Amino acid sequence: MTKKYDKEFKMETVRLIQEEGKSVAQVAREMDLHQNTIYQLQLQQKLNSGTLMLDSSQYFSSLLVLR
């Protein structure tokens, strides 16, 4: 079963890494998440903010992963 996280939780998780300089492993332990979940949250935030540009094949691959 897939867990659903609200927008604030996702933003806080990524903020801990970007602004506080914590490692993905450390945040994963603190928030009881798998490291891959955090990497996906980071990717999703970059896609949503427009800071990551993908070509069409990368875009469709990332959609499959985010699904």
C-alpha atoms as a PDB file:
ATOM      1  CA  MET A   1       0.000   0.000   0.000  1.00  0.00           C
ATOM      2  CA  THR A   2       1.342   3.416  -0.997  1.00  0.00           C
ATOM      3  CA  LYS A   3       1.551   6.072   1.680  1.00  0.00           C
ATOM      4  CA  LYS A   4       0.210   9.541   0.909  1.00  0.00           C
ATOM      5  CA  TYR A   5       2.043  12.570   2.249  1.00  0.00           C
ATOM      6  CA  ASP A   6       0.600  16.077   2.372  1.00  0.00           C
ATOM      7  CA  LYS A   7       2.316  18.982   0.638  1.00  0.00           C
ATOM      8  CA  GLU A   8       3.707  20.452   3.863  1.00  0.00           C
ATOM      9  CA  PHE A   9       5.322  17.150   4.859  1.00  0.00           C
ATOM     10  CA  LYS A  10       6.961  16.825   1.440  1.00  0.00           C
ATOM     11  CA  MET A  11       8.240  20.393   1.494  1.00  0.00           C
ATOM     12  CA  GLU A  12       9.628  20.048   5.029  1.00  0.00           C
ATOM     13  CA  THR A  13      11.407  16.812   4.133  1.00  0.00           C
ATOM     14  CA  VAL A  14      13.180  18.396   1.163  1.00  0.00           C
ATOM     15  CA  ARG A  15      13.878  21.607   3.122  1.00  0.00           C
ATOM     16  CA  LEU A  16      15.787  19.662   5.782  1.00  0.00           C
ATOM     17  CA  ILE A  17      18.213  18.515   3.102  1.00  0.00           C
ATOM     18  CA  GLN A  18      18.469  21.711   1.077  1.00  0.00           C
ATOM     19  CA  GLU A  19      18.516  24.348   3.801  1.00  0.00           C
ATOM     20  CA  GLU A  20      19.829  22.539   6.867  1.00  0.00           C
ATOM     21  CA  GLY A  21      22.350  20.445   4.957  1.00  0.00           C
ATOM     22  CA  LYS A  22      21.227  17.147   6.407  1.00  0.00           C
ATOM     23  CA  SER A  23      21.960  13.989   4.469  1.00  0.00           C
ATOM     24  CA  VAL A  24      19.228  11.931   2.850  1.00  0.00           C
ATOM     25  CA  ALA A  25      20.114   9.042   5.163  1.00  0.00           C
ATOM     26  CA  GLN A  26      19.786  11.237   8.260  1.00  0.00           C
ATOM     27  CA  VAL A  27      16.416  12.676   7.203  1.00  0.00           C
ATOM     28  CA  ALA A  28      15.193   9.184   6.297  1.00  0.00           C
ATOM     29  CA  ARG A  29      15.992   7.966   9.806  1.00  0.00           C
ATOM     30  CA  GLU A  30      14.488  11.032  11.487  1.00  0.00           C
ATOM     31  CA  MET A  31      11.262  10.925   9.489  1.00  0.00           C
ATOM     32  CA  ASP A  32      10.985   7.124   9.271  1.00  0.00           C
ATOM     33  CA  LEU A  33      11.115   7.115   5.472  1.00  0.00           C
ATOM     34  CA  HIS A  34      12.984   5.034   2.933  1.00  0.00           C
ATOM     35  CA  GLN A  35      15.809   6.952   1.260  1.00  0.00           C
ATOM     36  CA  ASN A  36      14.286   6.333  -2.181  1.00  0.00           C
ATOM     37  CA  THR A  37      11.108   8.096  -1.044  1.00  0.00           C
ATOM     38  CA  ILE A  38      13.144  11.188  -0.238  1.00  0.00           C
ATOM     39  CA  TYR A  39      14.920  11.095  -3.596  1.00  0.00           C
ATOM     40  CA  GLN A  40      11.511  10.909  -5.278  1.00  0.00           C
ATOM     41  CA  LEU A  41      10.242  13.855  -3.224  1.00  0.00           C
ATOM     42  CA  GLN A  42      13.278  15.878  -4.310  1.00  0.00           C
ATOM     43  CA  LEU A  43      12.711  14.966  -7.958  1.00  0.00           C
ATOM     44  CA  GLN A  44       9.037  15.802  -7.730  1.00  0.00           C
ATOM     45  CA  GLN A  45       9.763  19.194  -6.178  1.00  0.00           C
ATOM     46  CA  LYS A  46      12.307  20.023  -8.890  1.00  0.00           C
ATOM     47  CA  LEU A  47       9.841  19.046 -11.613  1.00  0.00           C
ATOM     48  CA  ASN A  48       7.048  21.069 -10.016  1.00  0.00           C
ATOM     49  CA  SER A  49       9.223  24.158  -9.567  1.00  0.00           C
ATOM     50  CA  GLY A  50      10.602  24.020 -13.095  1.00  0.00           C
ATOM     51  CA  THR A  51      14.215  23.846 -11.912  1.00  0.00           C
ATOM     52  CA  LEU A  52      14.715  20.499 -13.638  1.00  0.00           C
ATOM     53  CA  MET A  53      14.248  20.259 -17.365  1.00  0.00           C
ATOM     54  CA  LEU A  54      13.881  16.838 -18.934  1.00  0.00           C
ATOM     55  CA  ASP A  55      13.685  15.670 -22.508  1.00  0.00           C
ATOM     56  CA  SER A  56      10.565  13.700 -23.413  1.00  0.00           C
ATOM     57  CA  SER A  57      12.031  10.234 -22.714  1.00  0.00           C
ATOM     58  CA  GLN A  58      13.287  11.330 -19.278  1.00  0.00           C
ATOM     59  CA  TYR A  59       9.931  12.979 -18.564  1.00  0.00           C
ATOM     60  CA  PHE A  60       7.925   9.845 -19.258  1.00  0.00           C
ATOM     61  CA  SER A  61      10.387   7.700 -17.273  1.00  0.00           C
ATOM     62  CA  SER A  62      10.080  10.046 -14.294  1.00  0.00           C
ATOM     63  CA  LEU A  63       6.284   9.881 -14.478  1.00  0.00           C
ATOM     64  CA  LEU A  64       6.444   6.118 -14.168  1.00  0.00           C
ATOM     65  CA  VAL A  65       8.710   6.400 -11.130  1.00  0.00           C
ATOM     66  CA  LEU A  66       6.573   9.075  -9.458  1.00  0.00           C
ATOM     67  CA  ARG A  67       3.454   7.060 -10.021  1.00  0.00           C
END
